[in-house]
Amino acid sequence: MQDRVIKFVTSHSGITEEKFRELMFRTGDLVRDVGSVLVGKDAVATGLINEIGGIGQALQKLRELIRLQGAGPQRS
């Protein structure tokens, strides 16, 4: 199960498998024995997330991506 989570996260973000595993098993920063907690700029810096924002920014980005997809090549 753990390998599936690692593969999913690393294939859908900019973080490497090596860095993700390092964060998961960093003993000094464990939170309830589930790994490190990264927030804000730290999460962006590691590649775990692309940018910081709230629901408004997320919806704006979603609309932008939908528009870009619609402007792409037409599918038959």
C-alpha atoms as a PDB file:
ATOM      1  CA  MET A   1       0.000   0.000   0.000  1.00  0.00           C
ATOM      2  CA  GLN A   2       2.801   2.399   0.905  1.00  0.00           C
ATOM      3  CA  ASP A   3       4.489   1.906  -2.469  1.00  0.00           C
ATOM      4  CA  ARG A   4       1.197   2.664  -4.240  1.00  0.00           C
ATOM      5  CA  VAL A   5       0.893   5.948  -2.334  1.00  0.00           C
ATOM      6  CA  ILE A   6       4.499   6.853  -3.126  1.00  0.00           C
ATOM      7  CA  LYS A   7       4.036   6.096  -6.829  1.00  0.00           C
ATOM      8  CA  PHE A   8       0.785   8.079  -6.964  1.00  0.00           C
ATOM      9  CA  VAL A   9       2.209  11.169  -5.267  1.00  0.00           C
ATOM     10  CA  THR A  10       5.465  11.189  -7.205  1.00  0.00           C
ATOM     11  CA  SER A  11       3.714  10.672 -10.552  1.00  0.00           C
ATOM     12  CA  HIS A  12       1.257  13.530  -9.889  1.00  0.00           C
ATOM     13  CA  SER A  13       3.662  16.096  -8.449  1.00  0.00           C
ATOM     14  CA  GLY A  14       7.148  17.449  -8.923  1.00  0.00           C
ATOM     15  CA  ILE A  15       8.691  15.649  -5.958  1.00  0.00           C
ATOM     16  CA  THR A  16      11.099  12.787  -6.554  1.00  0.00           C
ATOM     17  CA  GLU A  17      10.529   9.370  -5.031  1.00  0.00           C
ATOM     18  CA  GLU A  18      13.794   9.696  -3.119  1.00  0.00           C
ATOM     19  CA  LYS A  19      12.812  13.067  -1.587  1.00  0.00           C
ATOM     20  CA  PHE A  20       9.303  11.862  -0.782  1.00  0.00           C
ATOM     21  CA  ARG A  21      10.630   8.770   1.000  1.00  0.00           C
ATOM     22  CA  GLU A  22      13.102  10.951   2.903  1.00  0.00           C
ATOM     23  CA  LEU A  23      10.250  13.152   4.139  1.00  0.00           C
ATOM     24  CA  MET A  24       8.128  10.130   5.045  1.00  0.00           C
ATOM     25  CA  PHE A  25      10.807   8.618   7.215  1.00  0.00           C
ATOM     26  CA  ARG A  26      12.457  11.711   8.713  1.00  0.00           C
ATOM     27  CA  THR A  27      12.315  10.759  12.383  1.00  0.00           C
ATOM     28  CA  GLY A  28      12.946  14.232  13.793  1.00  0.00           C
ATOM     29  CA  ASP A  29       9.907  15.712  12.073  1.00  0.00           C
ATOM     30  CA  LEU A  30       7.384  12.927  12.518  1.00  0.00           C
ATOM     31  CA  VAL A  31       3.843  13.975  13.270  1.00  0.00           C
ATOM     32  CA  ARG A  32       1.837  11.214  14.928  1.00  0.00           C
ATOM     33  CA  ASP A  33       4.201   8.708  13.333  1.00  0.00           C
ATOM     34  CA  VAL A  34       2.891   9.424   9.838  1.00  0.00           C
ATOM     35  CA  GLY A  35       5.765  11.440   8.389  1.00  0.00           C
ATOM     36  CA  SER A  36       6.750  15.048   7.916  1.00  0.00           C
ATOM     37  CA  VAL A  37       4.326  17.903   7.556  1.00  0.00           C
ATOM     38  CA  LEU A  38       5.147  20.494   4.930  1.00  0.00           C
ATOM     39  CA  VAL A  39       3.149  23.662   4.528  1.00  0.00           C
ATOM     40  CA  GLY A  40       3.175  26.603   2.183  1.00  0.00           C
ATOM     41  CA  LYS A  41       6.485  27.532   0.665  1.00  0.00           C
ATOM     42  CA  ASP A  42       8.188  24.381   1.962  1.00  0.00           C
ATOM     43  CA  ALA A  43       5.704  22.170   0.084  1.00  0.00           C
ATOM     44  CA  VAL A  44       6.229  24.229  -3.088  1.00  0.00           C
ATOM     45  CA  ALA A  45      10.025  24.130  -2.676  1.00  0.00           C
ATOM     46  CA  THR A  46      10.057  20.324  -2.512  1.00  0.00           C
ATOM     47  CA  GLY A  47       7.762  20.009  -5.532  1.00  0.00           C
ATOM     48  CA  LEU A  48       4.955  18.428  -3.547  1.00  0.00           C
ATOM     49  CA  ILE A  49       2.559  21.154  -4.728  1.00  0.00           C
ATOM     50  CA  ASN A  50       2.792  23.701  -7.540  1.00  0.00           C
ATOM     51  CA  GLU A  51       1.673  26.847  -5.747  1.00  0.00           C
ATOM     52  CA  ILE A  52       0.040  28.202  -2.605  1.00  0.00           C
ATOM     53  CA  GLY A  53      -3.576  29.325  -2.557  1.00  0.00           C
ATOM     54  CA  GLY A  54      -7.074  28.753  -1.358  1.00  0.00           C
ATOM     55  CA  ILE A  55     -10.231  27.418  -2.943  1.00  0.00           C
ATOM     56  CA  GLY A  56     -10.688  30.583  -5.015  1.00  0.00           C
ATOM     57  CA  GLN A  57      -7.267  30.233  -6.606  1.00  0.00           C
ATOM     58  CA  ALA A  58      -7.827  26.507  -7.142  1.00  0.00           C
ATOM     59  CA  LEU A  59     -11.107  27.110  -8.966  1.00  0.00           C
ATOM     60  CA  GLN A  60      -9.526  29.870 -11.052  1.00  0.00           C
ATOM     61  CA  LYS A  61      -6.700  27.489 -12.049  1.00  0.00           C
ATOM     62  CA  LEU A  62      -9.204  24.747 -12.879  1.00  0.00           C
ATOM     63  CA  ARG A  63     -11.144  27.113 -15.165  1.00  0.00           C
ATOM     64  CA  GLU A  64      -7.879  28.162 -16.827  1.00  0.00           C
ATOM     65  CA  LEU A  65      -6.887  24.541 -17.472  1.00  0.00           C
ATOM     66  CA  ILE A  66     -10.343  23.762 -18.867  1.00  0.00           C
ATOM     67  CA  ARG A  67     -10.090  26.747 -21.246  1.00  0.00           C
ATOM     68  CA  LEU A  68      -6.612  25.652 -22.362  1.00  0.00           C
ATOM     69  CA  GLN A  69      -7.808  22.124 -23.011  1.00  0.00           C
ATOM     70  CA  GLY A  70     -10.733  23.465 -25.020  1.00  0.00           C
ATOM     71  CA  ALA A  71      -8.371  25.579 -27.132  1.00  0.00           C
ATOM     72  CA  GLY A  72      -6.185  22.558 -27.912  1.00  0.00           C
ATOM     73  CA  PRO A  73      -6.421  20.213 -30.893  1.00  0.00           C
ATOM     74  CA  GLN A  74      -9.940  19.033 -31.704  1.00  0.00           C
ATOM     75  CA  ARG A  75     -10.672  15.407 -30.905  1.00  0.00           C
ATOM     76  CA  SER A  76     -12.617  13.271 -33.366  1.00  0.00           C
END
